[in-house]
């Protein structure tokens, strides 16, 4: 849910929706204010003019000092003339008060309005709210013209109260119209936002998919460039980057292939003369006891270096077969525990290693015997060279693999009690020619043993990893997919 809220689609829709709401409310408020002012102003002007005209028509018949009957007659005439408009009229003269309706106290008349009528000679009006409705209150002082052109107040004042029920209905209807218009406008804005978001997100989705294809190794992925906007510029930039990346990767692959072919060719060419040199060193080794001390040491040194060079060339040729995809499995169902014992015995390591193996015949499964021998020999040889005693080799069968997958698995563990492996070196111990310490740049190993081990394990469909034991020392663990309930194993590649 938080990811959906932060998505570009949600933000676009929310932005359009917010703009629609603000626009609808702003437009509605301005329209309402102008319409309401227009309706009330028109009604007010009409009522004030009608009241003034009626008063001008009737007051000439009123004496300058009117009595209560004259005032009552005046307000009755005014109210009856506009009975349909429900006028309520009040006439005051001094202490005399004559309402058009008996007992009407005219609560709408405010003190400020009365004061304005007493001090001014023009009509004064006011809108008041009483009893849940609004009314227009008009105060009109009756004045006479003097001979010198001035106007003199007569002391007679007339007040008119007109309910604005009709105008209130107009305003209410206007508010409802604005409310009804806002919801469709909002829905329309959301639809437009979805449409615009779809148009904007389509190239973004295409860019995301293209990026994922590039990350998966499809370097020939390109985007279609449509239009000339910013998204088109982005697609063009992506295509240019993809072309440059594809060109660079192709060049690197070409150089890597050349390097591998060079190593393979050199190794192959060195194999024949090395075979001859090995034969010569074997003869010299047999003659060494009869040679002088200095000559015997030189012969031994030549023999050791020749043997080391032979191992290096053999390892390089093995790595070249892996790189070329020519490495194959030749499966044979063997007793793994017995295979481990033969590996150690062939190299004279049986007295240097503590074995924790199942009983003979208890753990049989199809593996490539030669490659399994290489795996065991490389791991044990590495532990003996760089670790410390005791070196232990354990072999067991489990139900679940290291990745949690079910089925039968066989685990081979080679551990020592040496200083272990530096944490920064752990991710690289299976890299080719990687030396965990600069002090080991010159050793019996070629730097390819663990890399070949990892390739052989991978070829069997297994996993290999290196760790440090909690009590000290390095631990190499090999997990091979074993037989499932007695059935044959299914390695990743078969011959």
Protein backbone atom coordinates (compact mmCIF):
# COMPACT_ATOMS: atom_id res chain seq x y z
CA UNK A 1 0.00 0.00 0.00
CA UNK A 2 2.74 2.57 0.78
CA UNK A 3 4.31 1.75 -2.60
CA UNK A 4 0.99 2.40 -4.36
CA UNK A 5 0.63 5.75 -2.57
CA UNK A 6 4.13 6.78 -3.72
CA UNK A 7 3.52 5.66 -7.30
CA UNK A 8 3.51 8.19 -10.11
CA UNK A 9 0.00 7.14 -11.18
CA UNK A 10 -1.42 7.82 -7.72
CA UNK A 11 0.31 11.18 -7.48
CA UNK A 12 -0.94 12.25 -10.90
CA UNK A 13 -4.52 11.25 -10.13
CA UNK A 14 -4.37 12.83 -6.67
CA UNK A 15 -2.92 16.03 -8.14
CA UNK A 16 -5.62 16.28 -10.80
CA UNK A 17 -8.30 15.50 -8.22
CA UNK A 18 -6.99 18.18 -5.88
CA UNK A 19 -6.87 20.73 -8.69
CA UNK A 20 -10.42 19.79 -9.71
CA UNK A 21 -11.69 20.16 -6.15
CA UNK A 22 -10.00 23.52 -5.65
CA UNK A 23 -11.20 24.75 -9.06
CA UNK A 24 -14.76 23.56 -8.50
CA UNK A 25 -14.94 25.02 -5.00
CA UNK A 26 -13.32 28.29 -6.05
CA UNK A 27 -15.50 28.70 -9.12
CA UNK A 28 -18.59 27.71 -7.19
CA UNK A 29 -17.82 30.12 -4.36
CA UNK A 30 -17.23 33.05 -6.71
CA UNK A 31 -20.33 32.22 -8.75
CA UNK A 32 -22.40 31.89 -5.62
CA UNK A 33 -21.19 35.18 -4.22
CA UNK A 34 -21.84 37.13 -7.41
CA UNK A 35 -25.22 35.51 -8.04
CA UNK A 36 -26.33 36.00 -4.44
CA UNK A 37 -25.25 39.65 -4.47
CA UNK A 38 -27.06 40.22 -7.76
CA UNK A 39 -30.29 38.61 -6.57
CA UNK A 40 -30.35 40.44 -3.26
CA UNK A 41 -29.31 43.76 -4.77
CA UNK A 42 -32.02 43.61 -7.41
CA UNK A 43 -34.64 42.67 -4.84
CA UNK A 44 -33.47 45.37 -2.49
CA UNK A 45 -33.54 48.11 -5.16
CA UNK A 46 -36.99 47.07 -6.31
CA UNK A 47 -38.44 47.09 -2.81
CA UNK A 48 -36.83 50.40 -1.85
CA UNK A 49 -38.09 52.09 -5.04
CA UNK A 50 -41.59 50.69 -4.63
CA UNK A 51 -41.67 51.79 -1.00
CA UNK A 52 -40.44 55.27 -1.84
CA UNK A 53 -42.94 55.68 -4.70
CA UNK A 54 -45.83 54.49 -2.55
CA UNK A 55 -44.88 56.82 0.29
CA UNK A 56 -44.53 59.77 -2.12
CA UNK A 57 -47.97 59.00 -3.50
CA UNK A 58 -49.75 58.77 -0.12
CA UNK A 59 -47.99 61.25 2.20
CA UNK A 60 -49.34 64.43 0.51
CA UNK A 61 -52.70 63.66 2.11
CA UNK A 62 -51.21 63.41 5.57
CA UNK A 63 -51.34 66.59 7.75
CA UNK A 64 -48.08 68.09 8.97
CA UNK A 65 -48.98 67.06 12.52
CA UNK A 66 -50.62 63.68 11.97
CA UNK A 67 -52.59 61.92 14.62
CA UNK A 68 -52.73 58.24 15.24
CA UNK A 69 -55.75 57.61 12.95
CA UNK A 70 -53.96 59.27 10.01
CA UNK A 71 -50.86 57.21 10.64
CA UNK A 72 -52.91 53.99 10.85
CA UNK A 73 -54.70 54.84 7.61
CA UNK A 74 -51.34 55.51 5.91
CA UNK A 75 -49.75 52.19 6.91
CA UNK A 76 -52.94 50.27 6.04
CA UNK A 77 -52.90 51.76 2.55
CA UNK A 78 -49.24 50.90 2.09
CA UNK A 79 -49.64 47.31 3.34
CA UNK A 80 -52.83 46.64 1.38
CA UNK A 81 -51.30 48.02 -1.83
CA UNK A 82 -48.51 45.41 -1.60
CA UNK A 83 -50.37 42.64 0.15
CA UNK A 84 -48.99 40.01 -2.24
CA UNK A 85 -45.47 40.93 -1.11
CA UNK A 86 -46.45 40.53 2.54
CA UNK A 87 -45.35 44.05 3.53
CA UNK A 88 -45.35 45.03 7.18
CA UNK A 89 -45.31 48.81 7.67
CA UNK A 90 -44.76 50.93 10.75
CA UNK A 91 -45.31 54.71 10.95
CA UNK A 92 -43.86 56.77 13.79
CA UNK A 93 -44.34 60.40 14.63
CA UNK A 94 -43.00 61.53 17.94
CA UNK A 95 -44.39 59.09 20.50
CA UNK A 96 -47.06 57.83 18.14
CA UNK A 97 -46.61 54.35 16.59
CA UNK A 98 -48.97 52.87 14.03
CA UNK A 99 -48.16 49.30 12.80
CA UNK A 100 -49.96 47.77 9.85
CA UNK A 101 -50.65 44.70 11.98
CA UNK A 102 -52.07 45.06 15.44
CA UNK A 103 -49.62 44.06 18.18
CA UNK A 104 -46.65 43.87 15.79
CA UNK A 105 -43.58 45.02 17.78
CA UNK A 106 -41.26 45.01 14.75
CA UNK A 107 -38.31 43.22 16.39
CA UNK A 108 -36.36 43.56 13.15
CA UNK A 109 -35.82 47.30 13.72
CA UNK A 110 -32.40 47.82 15.19
CA UNK A 111 -31.26 50.83 17.18
CA UNK A 112 -28.70 51.74 14.52
CA UNK A 113 -31.38 51.77 11.82
CA UNK A 114 -33.66 53.99 13.91
CA UNK A 115 -30.77 56.32 14.60
CA UNK A 116 -29.92 56.55 10.89
CA UNK A 117 -33.54 57.35 10.01
CA UNK A 118 -33.64 60.12 12.62
CA UNK A 119 -30.39 61.74 11.49
CA UNK A 120 -30.53 61.28 7.71
CA UNK A 121 -32.99 62.33 5.05
CA UNK A 122 -32.61 59.40 2.70
CA UNK A 123 -33.88 55.84 2.73
CA UNK A 124 -31.90 53.46 4.91
CA UNK A 125 -32.08 49.70 4.57
CA UNK A 126 -30.72 46.70 6.37
CA UNK A 127 -30.95 42.92 6.05
CA UNK A 128 -31.58 41.08 9.31
CA UNK A 129 -32.01 37.43 10.24
CA UNK A 130 -34.78 36.54 12.65
CA UNK A 131 -36.77 33.41 13.18
CA UNK A 132 -34.66 31.30 10.82
CA UNK A 133 -35.17 33.60 7.81
CA UNK A 134 -33.89 36.88 6.49
CA UNK A 135 -35.85 40.09 5.98
CA UNK A 136 -35.17 43.41 4.32
CA UNK A 137 -35.84 46.35 6.61
CA UNK A 138 -36.20 49.81 5.03
CA UNK A 139 -36.41 53.05 6.99
CA UNK A 140 -37.66 56.13 5.15
CA UNK A 141 -37.96 59.58 6.76
CA UNK A 142 -40.68 61.80 5.21
CA UNK A 143 -39.24 65.21 4.23
CA UNK A 144 -40.72 68.27 2.59
CA UNK A 145 -39.09 70.71 0.25
CA UNK A 146 -38.56 74.25 1.63
CA UNK A 147 -38.85 77.31 -0.54
CA UNK A 148 -35.08 77.81 -0.67
CA UNK A 149 -34.53 74.40 -2.26
CA UNK A 150 -33.60 72.65 0.97
CA UNK A 151 -35.42 69.66 2.38
CA UNK A 152 -36.85 69.65 5.90
CA UNK A 153 -37.77 66.59 7.93
CA UNK A 154 -41.42 66.27 8.91
CA UNK A 155 -40.76 64.05 11.95
CA UNK A 156 -42.75 61.29 10.28
CA UNK A 157 -40.82 58.08 9.64
CA UNK A 158 -41.99 54.95 7.88
CA UNK A 159 -40.46 51.50 8.29
CA UNK A 160 -40.97 48.56 5.99
CA UNK A 161 -40.19 44.92 6.72
CA UNK A 162 -40.29 42.52 3.77
CA UNK A 163 -39.43 38.82 4.14
CA UNK A 164 -36.89 37.60 1.58
CA UNK A 165 -38.26 34.10 1.29
CA UNK A 166 -38.17 34.05 -2.49
CA UNK A 167 -34.63 35.35 -2.60
CA UNK A 168 -33.58 32.76 -0.01
CA UNK A 169 -35.04 30.01 -2.18
CA UNK A 170 -33.03 31.33 -5.12
CA UNK A 171 -29.82 31.28 -3.04
CA UNK A 172 -30.52 27.78 -1.70
CA UNK A 173 -31.17 26.51 -5.20
CA UNK A 174 -27.91 28.11 -6.33
CA UNK A 175 -25.95 26.38 -3.54
CA UNK A 176 -27.43 23.03 -4.48
CA UNK A 177 -26.57 23.62 -8.13
CA UNK A 178 -22.96 24.31 -7.19
CA UNK A 179 -22.84 21.17 -5.05
CA UNK A 180 -24.31 19.05 -7.84
CA UNK A 181 -21.87 20.48 -10.37
CA UNK A 182 -18.82 19.85 -8.15
CA UNK A 183 -19.18 16.05 -8.03
CA UNK A 184 -19.39 15.54 -11.84
CA UNK A 185 -16.49 17.95 -12.26
CA UNK A 186 -14.42 15.94 -9.80
CA UNK A 187 -15.28 12.64 -11.52
CA UNK A 188 -14.43 14.17 -14.90
CA UNK A 189 -11.11 15.41 -13.52
CA UNK A 190 -10.26 11.94 -12.19
CA UNK A 191 -11.06 10.39 -15.57
CA UNK A 192 -8.90 12.96 -17.31
CA UNK A 193 -6.14 12.30 -14.77
CA UNK A 194 -6.28 8.57 -15.47
CA UNK A 195 -6.15 9.23 -19.19
CA UNK A 196 -3.20 11.61 -18.86
CA UNK A 197 -1.44 9.29 -16.41
CA UNK A 198 -1.80 6.44 -18.86
CA UNK A 199 -0.20 8.51 -21.59
CA UNK A 200 2.64 9.61 -19.31
CA UNK A 201 3.23 6.23 -17.70
CA UNK A 202 3.26 4.21 -20.92
CA UNK A 203 6.79 5.32 -21.90
CA UNK A 204 7.88 5.10 -18.26
CA UNK A 205 6.72 1.48 -18.11
CA UNK A 206 8.44 0.78 -21.41
CA UNK A 207 11.64 2.29 -20.00
CA UNK A 208 11.37 0.15 -16.86
CA UNK A 209 10.87 -3.04 -18.87
CA UNK A 210 13.75 -2.14 -21.18
CA UNK A 211 15.99 -1.49 -18.18
CA UNK A 212 15.12 -4.88 -16.73
CA UNK A 213 15.84 -6.57 -20.05
CA UNK A 214 19.20 -4.80 -20.16
CA UNK A 215 19.94 -5.96 -16.62
CA UNK A 216 19.06 -9.52 -17.69
CA UNK A 217 21.71 -9.34 -20.38
CA UNK A 218 19.63 -8.39 -23.43
CA UNK A 219 21.89 -5.56 -24.53
CA UNK A 220 20.13 -5.22 -27.90
CA UNK A 221 17.03 -3.78 -26.19
CA UNK A 222 15.92 -0.44 -27.64
CA UNK A 223 12.98 1.92 -27.06
CA UNK A 224 10.65 3.39 -29.67
CA UNK A 225 11.03 7.17 -29.81
CA UNK A 226 7.70 8.93 -30.40
CA UNK A 227 7.27 12.70 -30.45
CA UNK A 228 9.75 15.31 -29.30
CA UNK A 229 8.94 15.85 -25.64
CA UNK A 230 11.05 15.13 -22.56
CA UNK A 231 10.04 11.46 -22.55
CA UNK A 232 11.19 11.15 -26.17
CA UNK A 233 14.52 12.72 -25.17
CA UNK A 234 14.77 10.21 -22.32
CA UNK A 235 14.11 7.30 -24.71
CA UNK A 236 16.75 8.65 -27.10
CA UNK A 237 19.26 8.93 -24.27
CA UNK A 238 18.47 5.37 -23.18
CA UNK A 239 19.01 4.05 -26.72
CA UNK A 240 22.32 5.91 -27.01
CA UNK A 241 23.45 4.54 -23.65
CA UNK A 242 22.39 1.03 -24.66
CA UNK A 243 24.36 1.27 -27.91
CA UNK A 244 27.47 2.43 -26.06
CA UNK A 245 27.07 -0.25 -23.41
CA UNK A 246 26.54 -2.99 -25.99
CA UNK A 247 29.61 -1.86 -27.89
CA UNK A 248 31.73 -1.82 -24.73
CA UNK A 249 30.50 -5.21 -23.55
CA UNK A 250 31.06 -6.72 -26.98
CA UNK A 251 34.60 -5.40 -27.00
CA UNK A 252 35.23 -6.75 -23.50
CA UNK A 253 33.81 -10.13 -24.47
CA UNK A 254 35.96 -10.21 -27.58
CA UNK A 255 39.06 -9.38 -25.56
CA UNK A 256 38.13 -11.95 -22.90
CA UNK A 257 37.59 -14.63 -25.54
CA UNK A 258 40.97 -13.80 -27.07
CA UNK A 259 42.62 -14.03 -23.67
CA UNK A 260 41.01 -17.39 -22.94
CA UNK A 261 41.92 -18.72 -26.35
CA UNK A 262 45.48 -17.52 -25.82
CA UNK A 263 45.68 -19.28 -22.43
CA UNK A 264 44.19 -22.45 -23.90
CA UNK A 265 46.59 -22.39 -26.84
CA UNK A 266 49.62 -21.71 -24.68
CA UNK A 267 48.66 -24.42 -22.22
CA UNK A 268 48.18 -26.89 -25.03
CA UNK A 269 51.50 -25.98 -26.64
CA UNK A 270 53.32 -26.26 -23.31
CA UNK A 271 51.90 -29.68 -22.53
CA UNK A 272 54.13 -31.62 -24.96
CA UNK A 273 57.49 -30.10 -23.94
CA UNK A 274 56.47 -30.36 -20.28
CA UNK A 275 55.78 -34.05 -20.73
CA UNK A 276 59.32 -34.45 -22.04
CA UNK A 277 60.73 -32.36 -19.20
CA UNK A 278 58.81 -34.47 -16.68
CA UNK A 279 60.27 -37.63 -18.15
CA UNK A 280 63.77 -36.14 -17.89
CA UNK A 281 63.23 -35.00 -14.30
CA UNK A 282 61.99 -38.49 -13.38
CA UNK A 283 65.26 -39.94 -14.67
CA UNK A 284 67.25 -37.27 -12.83
CA UNK A 285 65.32 -37.98 -9.62
CA UNK A 286 66.36 -41.63 -9.86
CA UNK A 287 70.00 -40.58 -10.34
CA UNK A 288 69.91 -37.92 -7.60
CA UNK A 289 71.24 -40.20 -4.78
CA UNK A 290 74.38 -40.81 -6.83
CA UNK A 291 75.00 -37.15 -7.67
CA UNK A 292 77.01 -34.63 -5.71
CA UNK A 293 75.16 -32.74 -2.95
CA UNK A 294 74.90 -29.44 -4.82
CA UNK A 295 73.94 -31.12 -8.07
CA UNK A 296 71.31 -33.25 -6.30
CA UNK A 297 69.70 -30.13 -4.76
CA UNK A 298 69.60 -28.46 -8.18
CA UNK A 299 68.02 -31.55 -9.73
CA UNK A 300 65.42 -31.65 -6.94
CA UNK A 301 64.61 -27.97 -7.46
CA UNK A 302 64.22 -28.48 -11.20
CA UNK A 303 62.00 -31.49 -10.58
CA UNK A 304 59.74 -29.62 -8.12
CA UNK A 305 59.38 -26.59 -10.36
CA UNK A 306 58.68 -28.79 -13.37
CA UNK A 307 55.99 -30.64 -11.41
CA UNK A 308 54.50 -27.32 -10.31
CA UNK A 309 54.51 -26.07 -13.91
CA UNK A 310 52.78 -29.25 -15.04
CA UNK A 311 50.03 -28.75 -12.43
CA UNK A 312 49.61 -25.14 -13.51
CA UNK A 313 49.29 -26.08 -17.17
CA UNK A 314 46.84 -28.86 -16.34
CA UNK A 315 44.76 -26.45 -14.25
CA UNK A 316 44.78 -23.85 -17.02
CA UNK A 317 43.61 -26.44 -19.55
CA UNK A 318 40.84 -27.52 -17.14
CA UNK A 319 39.73 -23.91 -16.69
CA UNK A 320 39.79 -23.44 -20.46
CA UNK A 321 37.46 -26.42 -20.87
CA UNK A 322 35.06 -24.86 -18.36
CA UNK A 323 35.16 -21.51 -20.18
CA UNK A 324 34.59 -23.18 -23.52
CA UNK A 325 31.65 -25.16 -22.16
CA UNK A 326 33.46 -28.38 -23.04
CA UNK A 327 33.55 -29.78 -19.51
CA UNK A 328 31.30 -32.82 -19.21
CA UNK A 329 30.19 -35.16 -16.48
CA UNK A 330 30.84 -38.88 -16.70
CA UNK A 331 28.59 -40.20 -13.98
CA UNK A 332 29.12 -43.40 -12.13
CA UNK A 333 27.37 -44.55 -8.98
CA UNK A 334 30.08 -44.87 -6.36
CA UNK A 335 30.51 -45.09 -2.61
CA UNK A 336 31.38 -41.51 -1.68
CA UNK A 337 33.03 -42.42 1.61
CA UNK A 338 35.28 -44.93 -0.12
CA UNK A 339 36.08 -42.35 -2.80
CA UNK A 340 37.19 -39.88 -0.11
CA UNK A 341 39.42 -42.53 1.50
CA UNK A 342 41.02 -43.35 -1.88
CA UNK A 343 41.67 -39.66 -2.56
CA UNK A 344 43.48 -39.21 0.74
CA UNK A 345 45.40 -42.44 0.38
CA UNK A 346 46.56 -41.63 -3.13
CA UNK A 347 48.15 -38.44 -1.83
CA UNK A 348 49.43 -39.83 1.46
CA UNK A 349 47.15 -37.64 3.57
CA UNK A 350 45.25 -40.35 5.45
CA UNK A 351 47.35 -39.80 8.61
CA UNK A 352 46.87 -36.00 8.51
CA UNK A 353 43.10 -35.93 8.29
CA UNK A 354 40.36 -36.89 10.76
CA UNK A 355 37.53 -38.64 8.90
CA UNK A 356 33.87 -38.64 9.89
CA UNK A 357 32.40 -40.72 7.13
CA UNK A 358 29.38 -43.01 6.89
CA UNK A 359 29.84 -46.76 6.90
CA UNK A 360 30.97 -48.39 3.62
CA UNK A 361 28.10 -48.77 1.18
CA UNK A 362 25.80 -46.49 3.20
CA UNK A 363 26.09 -43.45 0.95
CA UNK A 364 26.16 -44.21 -2.75
CA UNK A 365 25.16 -41.81 -5.50
CA UNK A 366 26.05 -41.05 -9.12
CA UNK A 367 28.90 -38.53 -9.47
CA UNK A 368 31.83 -38.04 -11.79
CA UNK A 369 34.57 -39.93 -9.87
CA UNK A 370 37.43 -37.91 -11.34
CA UNK A 371 35.80 -34.54 -10.63
CA UNK A 372 34.72 -35.61 -7.12
CA UNK A 373 38.33 -36.63 -6.47
CA UNK A 374 39.48 -33.19 -7.63
CA UNK A 375 36.98 -31.49 -5.32
CA UNK A 376 38.10 -33.49 -2.26
CA UNK A 377 41.80 -33.20 -3.09
CA UNK A 378 41.69 -29.44 -3.66
CA UNK A 379 39.77 -28.72 -0.44
CA UNK A 380 41.88 -31.03 1.75
CA UNK A 381 45.13 -29.89 0.12
CA UNK A 382 44.16 -26.27 0.70
CA UNK A 383 43.37 -26.99 4.38
CA UNK A 384 46.68 -28.79 4.88
CA UNK A 385 48.69 -26.04 3.19
CA UNK A 386 47.03 -22.95 4.70
CA UNK A 387 45.23 -24.27 7.81
CA UNK A 388 46.37 -26.17 10.86
CA UNK A 389 45.70 -29.58 12.37
CA UNK A 390 43.38 -31.18 12.97
CA UNK A 391 41.90 -31.16 9.46
CA UNK A 392 38.56 -32.96 9.45
CA UNK A 393 36.54 -34.29 6.54
CA UNK A 394 32.91 -35.18 7.18
CA UNK A 395 30.32 -36.56 4.83
CA UNK A 396 26.62 -36.86 5.55
CA UNK A 397 23.23 -37.07 3.86
CA UNK A 398 20.50 -34.48 4.54
CA UNK A 399 16.87 -33.95 3.61
CA UNK A 400 17.10 -30.27 2.70
CA UNK A 401 19.64 -28.33 0.71
CA UNK A 402 21.30 -25.03 1.67
CA UNK A 403 18.63 -23.05 -0.19
CA UNK A 404 15.77 -24.80 1.60
CA UNK A 405 14.86 -27.03 -1.33
CA UNK A 406 13.72 -30.48 -0.42
CA UNK A 407 15.03 -33.78 -1.70
CA UNK A 408 18.13 -35.66 -0.76
CA UNK A 409 21.37 -33.73 -0.43
CA UNK A 410 24.89 -34.83 0.38
CA UNK A 411 27.11 -32.51 2.37
CA UNK A 412 30.90 -32.67 2.34
CA UNK A 413 32.64 -30.49 4.94
CA UNK A 414 36.39 -29.86 5.13
CA UNK A 415 37.47 -27.90 8.21
CA UNK A 416 40.76 -26.97 9.81
CA UNK A 417 41.86 -25.21 13.00
CA UNK A 418 44.08 -22.62 11.36
CA UNK A 419 43.77 -18.82 11.43
CA UNK A 420 40.76 -18.90 9.14
CA UNK A 421 40.06 -16.58 6.22
CA UNK A 422 39.92 -12.81 6.47
CA UNK A 423 36.28 -11.62 6.20
CA UNK A 424 37.11 -9.39 3.22
CA UNK A 425 38.64 -12.39 1.42
CA UNK A 426 35.69 -14.78 1.90
CA UNK A 427 33.71 -13.56 -1.18
CA UNK A 428 36.79 -14.04 -3.39
CA UNK A 429 38.33 -17.35 -2.29
CA UNK A 430 36.82 -19.10 -5.32
CA UNK A 431 38.09 -16.47 -7.77
CA UNK A 432 40.84 -17.48 -10.15
CA UNK A 433 44.40 -16.66 -9.06
CA UNK A 434 43.09 -15.02 -5.89
CA UNK A 435 45.53 -15.00 -3.00
CA UNK A 436 44.05 -14.31 0.42
CA UNK A 437 47.43 -13.00 1.61
CA UNK A 438 50.23 -11.27 -0.26
CA UNK A 439 52.62 -13.60 1.58
CA UNK A 440 51.13 -16.52 -0.40
CA UNK A 441 51.91 -15.17 -3.84
CA UNK A 442 54.57 -17.89 -4.15
CA UNK A 443 53.26 -21.29 -3.07
CA UNK A 444 52.72 -24.81 -4.38
CA UNK A 445 49.21 -24.00 -5.45
CA UNK A 446 48.45 -22.53 -8.86
CA UNK A 447 45.72 -20.23 -7.55
CA UNK A 448 43.16 -22.16 -9.60
CA UNK A 449 42.39 -25.08 -7.29
CA UNK A 450 39.38 -23.56 -5.48
CA UNK A 451 38.07 -22.06 -8.74
CA UNK A 452 38.20 -25.52 -10.38
CA UNK A 453 36.51 -26.96 -7.29
CA UNK A 454 33.66 -24.48 -7.58
CA UNK A 455 33.26 -25.25 -11.30
CA UNK A 456 33.15 -29.00 -10.66
CA UNK A 457 30.56 -28.57 -7.89
CA UNK A 458 28.48 -26.33 -10.13
CA UNK A 459 28.73 -28.92 -12.89
CA UNK A 460 27.16 -31.46 -10.48
CA UNK A 461 24.33 -28.97 -9.72
CA UNK A 462 25.68 -28.31 -6.22
CA UNK A 463 26.84 -25.38 -4.13
CA UNK A 464 30.11 -24.63 -2.37
CA UNK A 465 30.84 -21.98 0.20
CA UNK A 466 33.59 -20.92 2.56
CA UNK A 467 33.15 -19.75 6.16
CA UNK A 468 35.04 -19.31 9.38
CA UNK A 469 34.18 -21.65 12.24
CA UNK A 470 33.06 -19.94 15.49
CA UNK A 471 35.99 -21.55 17.32
CA UNK A 472 38.50 -20.64 14.63
CA UNK A 473 39.63 -22.16 11.37
CA UNK A 474 38.23 -22.26 7.85
CA UNK A 475 35.26 -24.42 6.85
CA UNK A 476 34.52 -25.37 3.25
CA UNK A 477 31.07 -26.86 2.64
CA UNK A 478 29.97 -28.65 -0.53
CA UNK A 479 26.31 -29.52 -1.03
CA UNK A 480 25.52 -31.93 -3.84
CA UNK A 481 22.02 -32.94 -4.89
CA UNK A 482 21.87 -36.56 -3.84
CA UNK A 483 19.44 -39.39 -4.48
CA UNK A 484 15.83 -38.71 -3.48
CA UNK A 485 14.51 -41.62 -1.43
CA UNK A 486 17.00 -43.93 -3.00
CA UNK A 487 16.55 -42.62 -6.55
CA UNK A 488 19.41 -41.40 -8.65
CA UNK A 489 20.67 -37.88 -8.28
CA UNK A 490 20.01 -35.33 -11.00
CA UNK A 491 23.10 -33.14 -11.48
CA UNK A 492 22.95 -29.95 -13.46
CA UNK A 493 24.65 -31.48 -16.52
CA UNK A 494 25.19 -34.98 -17.67
CA UNK A 495 27.50 -36.51 -20.22
